[in-house]
Amino acid sequence: MNKKILKMIGKRIVQSIIVVFIVTLLVFLLMQLVPGDPIVNFLGSNATEEQVAYYTELFGYDKPVLVQYGKWILGLFHGQMGRSVAYQAEISGILFQRLGITISIVIPAFILAVVLGIVLGILAAKKRGSRLDSAISVFANIGMSMPMFWFGMLLIMFFALKLGVLPTSGFVAFKDSPGQYISHMVLPMIVLAMNPLATFTRQTRSSMLEVIRQDYVTTARAKGLGQKAITFKHQLRNALIPIITVMGTTLGGMIGGTVLVESIFVVPGLGNLMITAIKGRDFMVVENGVLVIAIAVALCNLVVDILYGIIDPRIRND
């Protein structure tokens, strides 16, 4: 691999580590401002002072804030995220189990949005000014402006309650029943993919229109290249950088966006866990959940930067 690309990757990794560190510090300090005591919330209002004091010391909440933060960070370096007050179990086991469920929604939704978004964007650009272009543009505008929770409720009312063809909520692992997994994940995936699909469609159309009349396209057409080769080898390839930018930021946002989708469809993923932890004042679960999301977003941005350098030599030479 080119040394300049490796140097660029190294710089981006260092920047990502700094960003994640700052996020962990901010989240930890902000969680200290949330009213309520996780120990009292767990034990209930009938707990004695001795019980509260015992569990407060057991989970380290009697220590100064910065000491708690330092202990948490040191634990992360040893692969330990701490224990959940509400679940009375290691957070890492709970978190990564829920993360797997979230990923099983996010990845198919992202692939669906990317494929359909690029195809629709290319069609709209190729048929600029036509009825097809207008229809695709209207669809993209609706998709970007439609509230996620409202769209989810509409799908539940139509497909689950009226037609009765899909379940309203729940989750079944793919390994247990592929058919049940698909039926339970169809609606959440559509809701999660709608806004990214609209975004990819608009970005692809815009990028394609910028390159569609470039001189190199005219030259390729004059040389007798087929329309398919011109579209994918010349136009789409040169329009990829802004599209990849949107893809990277969108994928990171989709991971965080599952909080709302999982709440609507009662999917026991990372987002649902975060909501439950916030309600239960289970601070350590929230902090580790945000950490995982921050790392996921940083990785998405890192992959985008690497793809930049591979696709466009001007960027890696900067």
C-alpha atoms as a PDB file:
ATOM      1  CA  MET A   1       0.000   0.000   0.000  1.00  0.00           C
ATOM      2  CA  ASN A   2       1.164   3.540  -0.791  1.00  0.00           C
ATOM      3  CA  LYS A   3       3.127   5.158   2.050  1.00  0.00           C
ATOM      4  CA  LYS A   4       1.059   8.314   1.759  1.00  0.00           C
ATOM      5  CA  ILE A   5      -2.138   6.314   2.254  1.00  0.00           C
ATOM      6  CA  LEU A   6      -0.640   4.574   5.317  1.00  0.00           C
ATOM      7  CA  LYS A   7       0.423   7.945   6.748  1.00  0.00           C
ATOM      8  CA  MET A   8      -3.075   9.326   6.143  1.00  0.00           C
ATOM      9  CA  ILE A   9      -4.660   6.282   7.822  1.00  0.00           C
ATOM     10  CA  GLY A  10      -2.352   6.676  10.825  1.00  0.00           C
ATOM     11  CA  LYS A  11      -3.307  10.347  11.240  1.00  0.00           C
ATOM     12  CA  ARG A  12      -7.017   9.521  10.986  1.00  0.00           C
ATOM     13  CA  ILE A  13      -6.705   6.738  13.586  1.00  0.00           C
ATOM     14  CA  VAL A  14      -5.041   9.116  16.060  1.00  0.00           C
ATOM     15  CA  GLN A  15      -7.739  11.731  15.423  1.00  0.00           C
ATOM     16  CA  SER A  16     -10.475   9.116  15.913  1.00  0.00           C
ATOM     17  CA  ILE A  17      -8.973   7.993  19.245  1.00  0.00           C
ATOM     18  CA  ILE A  18      -8.899  11.604  20.466  1.00  0.00           C
ATOM     19  CA  VAL A  19     -12.516  12.158  19.418  1.00  0.00           C
ATOM     20  CA  VAL A  20     -13.697   8.962  21.145  1.00  0.00           C
ATOM     21  CA  PHE A  21     -11.795   9.938  24.317  1.00  0.00           C
ATOM     22  CA  ILE A  22     -13.452  13.372  24.364  1.00  0.00           C
ATOM     23  CA  VAL A  23     -16.869  11.791  23.812  1.00  0.00           C
ATOM     24  CA  THR A  24     -16.368   9.387  26.737  1.00  0.00           C
ATOM     25  CA  LEU A  25     -15.375  12.251  29.038  1.00  0.00           C
ATOM     26  CA  LEU A  26     -18.312  14.462  28.035  1.00  0.00           C
ATOM     27  CA  VAL A  27     -20.857  11.649  28.337  1.00  0.00           C
ATOM     28  CA  PHE A  28     -19.496  10.580  31.719  1.00  0.00           C
ATOM     29  CA  LEU A  29     -19.653  14.137  33.089  1.00  0.00           C
ATOM     30  CA  LEU A  30     -23.125  14.770  31.626  1.00  0.00           C
ATOM     31  CA  MET A  31     -24.489  11.572  33.162  1.00  0.00           C
ATOM     32  CA  GLN A  32     -23.450  12.903  36.576  1.00  0.00           C
ATOM     33  CA  LEU A  33     -25.927  15.754  36.051  1.00  0.00           C
ATOM     34  CA  VAL A  34     -28.867  13.414  35.460  1.00  0.00           C
ATOM     35  CA  PRO A  35     -31.138  13.498  38.524  1.00  0.00           C
ATOM     36  CA  GLY A  36     -31.678  10.286  40.444  1.00  0.00           C
ATOM     37  CA  ASP A  37     -29.565   7.649  42.141  1.00  0.00           C
ATOM     38  CA  PRO A  38     -29.067   4.357  40.237  1.00  0.00           C
ATOM     39  CA  ILE A  39     -28.699   2.442  43.515  1.00  0.00           C
ATOM     40  CA  VAL A  40     -31.906   3.834  45.030  1.00  0.00           C
ATOM     41  CA  ASN A  41     -33.715   3.266  41.741  1.00  0.00           C
ATOM     42  CA  PHE A  42     -32.569  -0.378  41.720  1.00  0.00           C
ATOM     43  CA  LEU A  43     -33.287  -1.164  45.377  1.00  0.00           C
ATOM     44  CA  GLY A  44     -36.587   0.697  45.537  1.00  0.00           C
ATOM     45  CA  SER A  45     -38.005   3.207  47.977  1.00  0.00           C
ATOM     46  CA  ASN A  46     -38.133   0.649  50.818  1.00  0.00           C
ATOM     47  CA  ALA A  47     -34.368   0.098  50.859  1.00  0.00           C
ATOM     48  CA  THR A  48     -32.550   0.860  54.097  1.00  0.00           C
ATOM     49  CA  GLU A  49     -29.683   3.319  54.371  1.00  0.00           C
ATOM     50  CA  GLU A  50     -27.311   0.432  55.071  1.00  0.00           C
ATOM     51  CA  GLN A  51     -28.335  -1.327  51.847  1.00  0.00           C
ATOM     52  CA  VAL A  52     -27.962   1.849  49.805  1.00  0.00           C
ATOM     53  CA  ALA A  53     -24.531   2.531  51.341  1.00  0.00           C
ATOM     54  CA  TYR A  54     -23.389  -1.042  50.721  1.00  0.00           C
ATOM     55  CA  TYR A  55     -24.323  -1.083  47.034  1.00  0.00           C
ATOM     56  CA  THR A  56     -23.061   2.467  46.500  1.00  0.00           C
ATOM     57  CA  GLU A  57     -19.635   1.371  47.744  1.00  0.00           C
ATOM     58  CA  LEU A  58     -19.846  -1.936  45.846  1.00  0.00           C
ATOM     59  CA  PHE A  59     -20.371  -0.203  42.492  1.00  0.00           C
ATOM     60  CA  GLY A  60     -17.929   2.618  43.274  1.00  0.00           C
ATOM     61  CA  TYR A  61     -20.437   5.466  43.239  1.00  0.00           C
ATOM     62  CA  ASP A  62     -19.048   6.758  46.544  1.00  0.00           C
ATOM     63  CA  LYS A  63     -15.777   7.753  44.837  1.00  0.00           C
ATOM     64  CA  PRO A  64     -15.117  11.220  43.310  1.00  0.00           C
ATOM     65  CA  VAL A  65     -16.306  11.658  39.724  1.00  0.00           C
ATOM     66  CA  LEU A  66     -12.838  11.758  38.153  1.00  0.00           C
ATOM     67  CA  VAL A  67     -11.799   8.648  40.111  1.00  0.00           C
ATOM     68  CA  GLN A  68     -14.873   6.839  38.771  1.00  0.00           C
ATOM     69  CA  TYR A  69     -13.988   7.969  35.247  1.00  0.00           C
ATOM     70  CA  GLY A  70     -10.368   6.866  35.583  1.00  0.00           C
ATOM     71  CA  LYS A  71     -11.431   3.482  36.928  1.00  0.00           C
ATOM     72  CA  TRP A  72     -13.815   3.032  33.999  1.00  0.00           C
ATOM     73  CA  ILE A  73     -11.156   3.938  31.399  1.00  0.00           C
ATOM     74  CA  LEU A  74      -8.565   1.630  33.000  1.00  0.00           C
ATOM     75  CA  GLY A  75     -11.138  -1.145  33.006  1.00  0.00           C
ATOM     76  CA  LEU A  76     -11.741  -0.644  29.281  1.00  0.00           C
ATOM     77  CA  PHE A  77      -8.039  -1.222  28.594  1.00  0.00           C
ATOM     78  CA  HIS A  78      -8.398  -4.560  30.411  1.00  0.00           C
ATOM     79  CA  GLY A  79     -11.547  -5.451  28.468  1.00  0.00           C
ATOM     80  CA  GLN A  80     -13.874  -4.683  31.379  1.00  0.00           C
ATOM     81  CA  MET A  81     -16.824  -2.312  31.049  1.00  0.00           C
ATOM     82  CA  GLY A  82     -18.015  -2.676  34.624  1.00  0.00           C
ATOM     83  CA  ARG A  83     -21.216  -4.130  36.038  1.00  0.00           C
ATOM     84  CA  SER A  84     -24.783  -3.059  35.419  1.00  0.00           C
ATOM     85  CA  VAL A  85     -26.745  -2.076  38.514  1.00  0.00           C
ATOM     86  CA  ALA A  86     -30.102  -3.011  37.007  1.00  0.00           C
ATOM     87  CA  TYR A  87     -29.028  -6.305  35.396  1.00  0.00           C
ATOM     88  CA  GLN A  88     -26.470  -7.301  38.042  1.00  0.00           C
ATOM     89  CA  ALA A  89     -24.213  -8.617  35.299  1.00  0.00           C
ATOM     90  CA  GLU A  90     -21.130  -7.649  33.282  1.00  0.00           C
ATOM     91  CA  ILE A  91     -22.020  -4.860  30.868  1.00  0.00           C
ATOM     92  CA  SER A  92     -19.885  -6.214  28.031  1.00  0.00           C
ATOM     93  CA  GLY A  93     -21.955  -9.398  27.761  1.00  0.00           C
ATOM     94  CA  ILE A  94     -25.252  -7.491  27.712  1.00  0.00           C
ATOM     95  CA  LEU A  95     -23.998  -4.752  25.403  1.00  0.00           C
ATOM     96  CA  PHE A  96     -22.469  -6.882  22.662  1.00  0.00           C
ATOM     97  CA  GLN A  97     -25.446  -9.230  22.583  1.00  0.00           C
ATOM     98  CA  ARG A  98     -27.724  -6.238  21.983  1.00  0.00           C
ATOM     99  CA  LEU A  99     -25.228  -4.727  19.534  1.00  0.00           C
ATOM    100  CA  GLY A 100     -25.460  -7.875  17.396  1.00  0.00           C
ATOM    101  CA  ILE A 101     -29.225  -7.409  17.137  1.00  0.00           C
ATOM    102  CA  THR A 102     -28.804  -3.754  16.174  1.00  0.00           C
ATOM    103  CA  ILE A 103     -26.239  -4.602  13.495  1.00  0.00           C
ATOM    104  CA  SER A 104     -28.605  -7.234  12.067  1.00  0.00           C
ATOM    105  CA  ILE A 105     -31.021  -4.363  11.366  1.00  0.00           C
ATOM    106  CA  VAL A 106     -28.582  -1.613  10.395  1.00  0.00           C
ATOM    107  CA  ILE A 107     -26.495  -3.502   7.804  1.00  0.00           C
ATOM    108  CA  PRO A 108     -29.419  -4.819   5.685  1.00  0.00           C
ATOM    109  CA  ALA A 109     -31.117  -1.396   5.921  1.00  0.00           C
ATOM    110  CA  PHE A 110     -27.895   0.334   4.836  1.00  0.00           C
ATOM    111  CA  ILE A 111     -27.354  -2.030   1.889  1.00  0.00           C
ATOM    112  CA  LEU A 112     -30.972  -1.545   0.811  1.00  0.00           C
ATOM    113  CA  ALA A 113     -30.620   2.243   1.003  1.00  0.00           C
ATOM    114  CA  VAL A 114     -27.290   2.293  -0.883  1.00  0.00           C
ATOM    115  CA  VAL A 115     -28.368   0.016  -3.743  1.00  0.00           C
ATOM    116  CA  LEU A 116     -31.790   1.586  -4.311  1.00  0.00           C
ATOM    117  CA  GLY A 117     -30.478   5.111  -3.717  1.00  0.00           C
ATOM    118  CA  ILE A 118     -27.728   4.826  -6.324  1.00  0.00           C
ATOM    119  CA  VAL A 119     -30.029   3.153  -8.869  1.00  0.00           C
ATOM    120  CA  LEU A 120     -32.782   5.735  -8.418  1.00  0.00           C
ATOM    121  CA  GLY A 121     -30.255   8.600  -8.452  1.00  0.00           C
ATOM    122  CA  ILE A 122     -28.739   7.379 -11.740  1.00  0.00           C
ATOM    123  CA  LEU A 123     -32.180   6.961 -13.326  1.00  0.00           C
ATOM    124  CA  ALA A 124     -33.228  10.455 -12.202  1.00  0.00           C
ATOM    125  CA  ALA A 125     -30.034  12.013 -13.606  1.00  0.00           C
ATOM    126  CA  LYS A 126     -30.289  10.137 -16.900  1.00  0.00           C
ATOM    127  CA  LYS A 127     -33.951  11.126 -17.295  1.00  0.00           C
ATOM    128  CA  ARG A 128     -33.558  14.693 -16.063  1.00  0.00           C
ATOM    129  CA  GLY A 129     -36.726  16.735 -16.518  1.00  0.00           C
ATOM    130  CA  SER A 130     -38.895  13.710 -17.254  1.00  0.00           C
ATOM    131  CA  ARG A 131     -41.857  12.389 -15.278  1.00  0.00           C
ATOM    132  CA  LEU A 132     -39.633   9.646 -13.873  1.00  0.00           C
ATOM    133  CA  ASP A 133     -37.183  12.262 -12.591  1.00  0.00           C
ATOM    134  CA  SER A 134     -40.034  14.232 -11.018  1.00  0.00           C
ATOM    135  CA  ALA A 135     -41.490  11.118  -9.373  1.00  0.00           C
ATOM    136  CA  ILE A 136     -38.111  10.083  -7.943  1.00  0.00           C
ATOM    137  CA  SER A 137     -37.443  13.632  -6.689  1.00  0.00           C
ATOM    138  CA  VAL A 138     -40.850  13.785  -4.977  1.00  0.00           C
ATOM    139  CA  PHE A 139     -40.191  10.383  -3.371  1.00  0.00           C
ATOM    140  CA  ALA A 140     -36.763  11.550  -2.137  1.00  0.00           C
ATOM    141  CA  ASN A 141     -38.164  14.783  -0.702  1.00  0.00           C
ATOM    142  CA  ILE A 142     -40.915  12.891   1.130  1.00  0.00           C
ATOM    143  CA  GLY A 143     -38.409  10.361   2.462  1.00  0.00           C
ATOM    144  CA  MET A 144     -36.129  13.072   3.846  1.00  0.00           C
ATOM    145  CA  SER A 145     -38.910  15.099   5.472  1.00  0.00           C
ATOM    146  CA  MET A 146     -41.037  12.281   6.910  1.00  0.00           C
ATOM    147  CA  PRO A 147     -40.631  11.762  10.691  1.00  0.00           C
ATOM    148  CA  MET A 148     -39.323   8.292  11.474  1.00  0.00           C
ATOM    149  CA  PHE A 149     -41.764   7.557  14.295  1.00  0.00           C
ATOM    150  CA  TRP A 150     -44.767   8.653  12.168  1.00  0.00           C
ATOM    151  CA  PHE A 151     -43.678   6.507   9.228  1.00  0.00           C
ATOM    152  CA  GLY A 152     -43.183   3.545  11.544  1.00  0.00           C
ATOM    153  CA  MET A 153     -46.675   3.942  12.983  1.00  0.00           C
ATOM    154  CA  LEU A 154     -48.162   4.067   9.476  1.00  0.00           C
ATOM    155  CA  LEU A 155     -46.428   0.829   8.494  1.00  0.00           C
ATOM    156  CA  ILE A 156     -47.606  -0.885  11.681  1.00  0.00           C
ATOM    157  CA  MET A 157     -51.194   0.232  11.111  1.00  0.00           C
ATOM    158  CA  PHE A 158     -51.256  -0.886   7.469  1.00  0.00           C
ATOM    159  CA  PHE A 159     -49.137  -4.057   7.295  1.00  0.00           C
ATOM    160  CA  ALA A 160     -49.599  -5.381  10.836  1.00  0.00           C
ATOM    161  CA  LEU A 161     -53.006  -4.228  12.047  1.00  0.00           C
ATOM    162  CA  LYS A 162     -55.003  -3.896   8.803  1.00  0.00           C
ATOM    163  CA  LEU A 163     -53.466  -6.577   6.549  1.00  0.00           C
ATOM    164  CA  GLY A 164     -52.059  -8.745   9.339  1.00  0.00           C
ATOM    165  CA  VAL A 165     -49.144  -9.923   7.201  1.00  0.00           C
ATOM    166  CA  LEU A 166     -46.306  -8.726   9.445  1.00  0.00           C
ATOM    167  CA  PRO A 167     -45.797  -8.679  13.237  1.00  0.00           C
ATOM    168  CA  THR A 168     -45.989  -5.387  15.092  1.00  0.00           C
ATOM    169  CA  SER A 169     -42.977  -5.949  17.325  1.00  0.00           C
ATOM    170  CA  GLY A 170     -40.395  -8.381  18.646  1.00  0.00           C
ATOM    171  CA  PHE A 171     -37.273 -10.078  17.357  1.00  0.00           C
ATOM    172  CA  VAL A 172     -36.289 -13.617  16.321  1.00  0.00           C
ATOM    173  CA  ALA A 173     -32.647 -14.494  15.643  1.00  0.00           C
ATOM    174  CA  PHE A 174     -31.794 -15.560  12.095  1.00  0.00           C
ATOM    175  CA  LYS A 175     -30.202 -18.800  13.319  1.00  0.00           C
ATOM    176  CA  ASP A 176     -33.415 -19.756  15.138  1.00  0.00           C
ATOM    177  CA  SER A 177     -35.815 -19.071  12.265  1.00  0.00           C
ATOM    178  CA  PRO A 178     -34.764 -17.219   9.075  1.00  0.00           C
ATOM    179  CA  GLY A 179     -38.383 -16.715   8.036  1.00  0.00           C
ATOM    180  CA  GLN A 180     -39.422 -15.244  11.384  1.00  0.00           C
ATOM    181  CA  TYR A 181     -36.306 -13.070  11.438  1.00  0.00           C
ATOM    182  CA  ILE A 182     -37.191 -11.576   8.048  1.00  0.00           C
ATOM    183  CA  SER A 183     -40.861 -11.037   8.933  1.00  0.00           C
ATOM    184  CA  HIS A 184     -39.953  -9.250  12.181  1.00  0.00           C
ATOM    185  CA  MET A 185     -37.207  -7.123  10.611  1.00  0.00           C
ATOM    186  CA  VAL A 186     -38.958  -5.975   7.412  1.00  0.00           C
ATOM    187  CA  LEU A 187     -40.745  -3.000   8.969  1.00  0.00           C
ATOM    188  CA  PRO A 188     -37.827  -1.790  11.160  1.00  0.00           C
ATOM    189  CA  MET A 189     -35.438  -2.038   8.200  1.00  0.00           C
ATOM    190  CA  ILE A 190     -37.772  -0.072   5.913  1.00  0.00           C
ATOM    191  CA  VAL A 191     -38.226   2.672   8.505  1.00  0.00           C
ATOM    192  CA  LEU A 192     -34.487   2.879   9.211  1.00  0.00           C
ATOM    193  CA  ALA A 193     -33.594   2.846   5.495  1.00  0.00           C
ATOM    194  CA  MET A 194     -36.122   5.445   4.289  1.00  0.00           C
ATOM    195  CA  ASN A 195     -34.248   8.631   5.160  1.00  0.00           C
ATOM    196  CA  PRO A 196     -30.804   7.314   4.039  1.00  0.00           C
ATOM    197  CA  LEU A 197     -32.401   6.032   0.811  1.00  0.00           C
ATOM    198  CA  ALA A 198     -33.792   9.483   0.064  1.00  0.00           C
ATOM    199  CA  THR A 199     -30.429  11.080   0.926  1.00  0.00           C
ATOM    200  CA  PHE A 200     -28.445   8.710  -1.315  1.00  0.00           C
ATOM    201  CA  THR A 201     -30.925   9.231  -4.159  1.00  0.00           C
ATOM    202  CA  ARG A 202     -30.618  13.022  -4.058  1.00  0.00           C
ATOM    203  CA  GLN A 203     -26.838  12.957  -3.645  1.00  0.00           C
ATOM    204  CA  THR A 204     -26.337  10.468  -6.495  1.00  0.00           C
ATOM    205  CA  ARG A 205     -28.586  12.479  -8.806  1.00  0.00           C
ATOM    206  CA  SER A 206     -26.759  15.695  -7.971  1.00  0.00           C
ATOM    207  CA  SER A 207     -23.300  14.159  -8.380  1.00  0.00           C
ATOM    208  CA  MET A 208     -24.220  12.439 -11.642  1.00  0.00           C
ATOM    209  CA  LEU A 209     -25.577  15.678 -13.113  1.00  0.00           C
ATOM    210  CA  GLU A 210     -22.256  17.386 -12.345  1.00  0.00           C
ATOM    211  CA  VAL A 211     -20.197  14.838 -14.300  1.00  0.00           C
ATOM    212  CA  ILE A 212     -22.676  13.846 -16.986  1.00  0.00           C
ATOM    213  CA  ARG A 213     -21.615  16.665 -19.346  1.00  0.00           C
ATOM    214  CA  GLN A 214     -17.879  16.627 -18.631  1.00  0.00           C
ATOM    215  CA  ASP A 215     -15.434  16.500 -21.539  1.00  0.00           C
ATOM    216  CA  TYR A 216     -14.136  13.026 -20.670  1.00  0.00           C
ATOM    217  CA  VAL A 217     -17.683  11.665 -20.944  1.00  0.00           C
ATOM    218  CA  THR A 218     -18.070  13.207 -24.398  1.00  0.00           C
ATOM    219  CA  THR A 219     -14.701  11.736 -25.393  1.00  0.00           C
ATOM    220  CA  ALA A 220     -15.677   8.276 -24.132  1.00  0.00           C
ATOM    221  CA  ARG A 221     -18.924   8.473 -26.088  1.00  0.00           C
ATOM    222  CA  ALA A 222     -17.039   9.584 -29.222  1.00  0.00           C
ATOM    223  CA  LYS A 223     -14.747   6.565 -28.891  1.00  0.00           C
ATOM    224  CA  GLY A 224     -17.792   4.331 -29.195  1.00  0.00           C
ATOM    225  CA  LEU A 225     -18.029   3.089 -25.588  1.00  0.00           C
ATOM    226  CA  GLY A 226     -21.369   1.592 -24.586  1.00  0.00           C
ATOM    227  CA  GLN A 227     -23.777   3.519 -22.399  1.00  0.00           C
ATOM    228  CA  LYS A 228     -23.358   1.081 -19.512  1.00  0.00           C
ATOM    229  CA  ALA A 229     -19.562   1.459 -19.551  1.00  0.00           C
ATOM    230  CA  ILE A 230     -19.835   5.241 -19.674  1.00  0.00           C
ATOM    231  CA  THR A 231     -22.317   5.319 -16.805  1.00  0.00           C
ATOM    232  CA  PHE A 232     -20.490   3.041 -14.389  1.00  0.00           C
ATOM    233  CA  LYS A 233     -16.805   3.353 -15.373  1.00  0.00           C
ATOM    234  CA  HIS A 234     -16.675   7.081 -16.029  1.00  0.00           C
ATOM    235  CA  GLN A 235     -19.673   8.957 -14.645  1.00  0.00           C
ATOM    236  CA  LEU A 236     -20.478   7.045 -11.455  1.00  0.00           C
ATOM    237  CA  ARG A 237     -16.831   6.485 -10.526  1.00  0.00           C
ATOM    238  CA  ASN A 238     -16.084  10.208 -10.699  1.00  0.00           C
ATOM    239  CA  ALA A 239     -19.262  11.022  -8.802  1.00  0.00           C
ATOM    240  CA  LEU A 240     -18.451   8.619  -5.957  1.00  0.00           C
ATOM    241  CA  ILE A 241     -16.568  10.904  -3.557  1.00  0.00           C
ATOM    242  CA  PRO A 242     -19.543  13.029  -2.408  1.00  0.00           C
ATOM    243  CA  ILE A 243     -21.696   9.874  -2.373  1.00  0.00           C
ATOM    244  CA  ILE A 244     -19.171   8.056  -0.168  1.00  0.00           C
ATOM    245  CA  THR A 245     -19.089  11.074   2.149  1.00  0.00           C
ATOM    246  CA  VAL A 246     -22.828  10.789   2.671  1.00  0.00           C
ATOM    247  CA  MET A 247     -22.624   6.998   3.059  1.00  0.00           C
ATOM    248  CA  GLY A 248     -20.021   7.157   5.824  1.00  0.00           C
ATOM    249  CA  THR A 249     -21.798   9.761   7.925  1.00  0.00           C
ATOM    250  CA  THR A 250     -25.190   8.132   7.298  1.00  0.00           C
ATOM    251  CA  LEU A 251     -24.081   4.664   8.429  1.00  0.00           C
ATOM    252  CA  GLY A 252     -22.811   6.105  11.695  1.00  0.00           C
ATOM    253  CA  GLY A 253     -26.069   7.998  12.121  1.00  0.00           C
ATOM    254  CA  MET A 254     -28.114   4.876  11.429  1.00  0.00           C
ATOM    255  CA  ILE A 255     -26.443   3.067  14.339  1.00  0.00           C
ATOM    256  CA  GLY A 256     -27.476   5.884  16.651  1.00  0.00           C
ATOM    257  CA  GLY A 257     -30.869   6.172  14.946  1.00  0.00           C
ATOM    258  CA  THR A 258     -31.853   2.656  15.940  1.00  0.00           C
ATOM    259  CA  VAL A 259     -32.767   4.036  19.391  1.00  0.00           C
ATOM    260  CA  LEU A 260     -36.064   5.324  17.982  1.00  0.00           C
ATOM    261  CA  VAL A 261     -36.699   2.415  15.605  1.00  0.00           C
ATOM    262  CA  GLU A 262     -36.102  -0.204  18.290  1.00  0.00           C
ATOM    263  CA  SER A 263     -38.415   1.657  20.638  1.00  0.00           C
ATOM    264  CA  ILE A 264     -41.213   1.731  18.041  1.00  0.00           C
ATOM    265  CA  PHE A 265     -40.946  -1.965  17.164  1.00  0.00           C
ATOM    266  CA  VAL A 266     -39.812  -3.194  20.602  1.00  0.00           C
ATOM    267  CA  VAL A 267     -36.611  -4.718  19.219  1.00  0.00           C
ATOM    268  CA  PRO A 268     -34.217  -5.721  22.039  1.00  0.00           C
ATOM    269  CA  GLY A 269     -31.183  -4.059  20.468  1.00  0.00           C
ATOM    270  CA  LEU A 270     -28.625  -1.530  21.638  1.00  0.00           C
ATOM    271  CA  GLY A 271     -30.985   1.417  21.219  1.00  0.00           C
ATOM    272  CA  ASN A 272     -33.699  -0.230  23.305  1.00  0.00           C
ATOM    273  CA  LEU A 273     -31.109  -1.065  25.966  1.00  0.00           C
ATOM    274  CA  MET A 274     -29.999   2.574  26.082  1.00  0.00           C
ATOM    275  CA  ILE A 275     -33.564   3.813  26.595  1.00  0.00           C
ATOM    276  CA  THR A 276     -34.138   1.279  29.384  1.00  0.00           C
ATOM    277  CA  ALA A 277     -30.827   2.179  31.019  1.00  0.00           C
ATOM    278  CA  ILE A 278     -31.622   5.914  30.959  1.00  0.00           C
ATOM    279  CA  LYS A 279     -35.015   5.303  32.545  1.00  0.00           C
ATOM    280  CA  GLY A 280     -33.411   3.081  35.187  1.00  0.00           C
ATOM    281  CA  ARG A 281     -30.520   5.512  35.825  1.00  0.00           C
ATOM    282  CA  ASP A 282     -28.101   2.705  34.926  1.00  0.00           C
ATOM    283  CA  PHE A 283     -25.340   5.165  34.111  1.00  0.00           C
ATOM    284  CA  MET A 284     -22.565   2.711  33.276  1.00  0.00           C
ATOM    285  CA  VAL A 285     -24.692   0.978  30.641  1.00  0.00           C
ATOM    286  CA  VAL A 286     -25.493   4.336  29.020  1.00  0.00           C
ATOM    287  CA  GLU A 287     -21.852   5.429  29.057  1.00  0.00           C
ATOM    288  CA  ASN A 288     -20.609   2.187  27.517  1.00  0.00           C
ATOM    289  CA  GLY A 289     -23.419   2.227  24.971  1.00  0.00           C
ATOM    290  CA  VAL A 290     -22.474   5.730  23.850  1.00  0.00           C
ATOM    291  CA  LEU A 291     -18.832   4.626  23.726  1.00  0.00           C
ATOM    292  CA  VAL A 292     -19.699   1.762  21.356  1.00  0.00           C
ATOM    293  CA  ILE A 293     -21.746   4.088  19.142  1.00  0.00           C
ATOM    294  CA  ALA A 294     -18.921   6.672  19.114  1.00  0.00           C
ATOM    295  CA  ILE A 295     -16.395   4.016  18.090  1.00  0.00           C
ATOM    296  CA  ALA A 296     -18.739   2.802  15.341  1.00  0.00           C
ATOM    297  CA  VAL A 297     -19.155   6.337  13.982  1.00  0.00           C
ATOM    298  CA  ALA A 298     -15.382   6.942  14.149  1.00  0.00           C
ATOM    299  CA  LEU A 299     -14.745   3.704  12.245  1.00  0.00           C
ATOM    300  CA  CYS A 300     -17.273   4.697   9.571  1.00  0.00           C
ATOM    301  CA  ASN A 301     -15.526   8.047   9.114  1.00  0.00           C
ATOM    302  CA  LEU A 302     -12.132   6.320   9.036  1.00  0.00           C
ATOM    303  CA  VAL A 303     -13.280   3.954   6.277  1.00  0.00           C
ATOM    304  CA  VAL A 304     -14.601   6.943   4.313  1.00  0.00           C
ATOM    305  CA  ASP A 305     -11.234   8.715   4.593  1.00  0.00           C
ATOM    306  CA  ILE A 306      -9.411   5.583   3.422  1.00  0.00           C
ATOM    307  CA  LEU A 307     -11.745   5.239   0.436  1.00  0.00           C
ATOM    308  CA  TYR A 308     -11.110   8.912  -0.360  1.00  0.00           C
ATOM    309  CA  GLY A 309      -7.401   8.278  -0.610  1.00  0.00           C
ATOM    310  CA  ILE A 310      -7.872   5.190  -2.767  1.00  0.00           C
ATOM    311  CA  ILE A 311     -10.353   6.772  -5.173  1.00  0.00           C
ATOM    312  CA  ASP A 312      -8.889  10.266  -5.449  1.00  0.00           C
ATOM    313  CA  PRO A 313      -5.055  10.631  -5.480  1.00  0.00           C
ATOM    314  CA  ARG A 314      -5.391  14.378  -4.876  1.00  0.00           C
ATOM    315  CA  ILE A 315      -6.663  13.745  -1.351  1.00  0.00           C
ATOM    316  CA  ARG A 316      -3.869  11.396  -0.252  1.00  0.00           C
ATOM    317  CA  ASN A 317      -1.282  13.781  -1.747  1.00  0.00           C
ATOM    318  CA  ASP A 318      -2.696  16.723   0.226  1.00  0.00           C
END
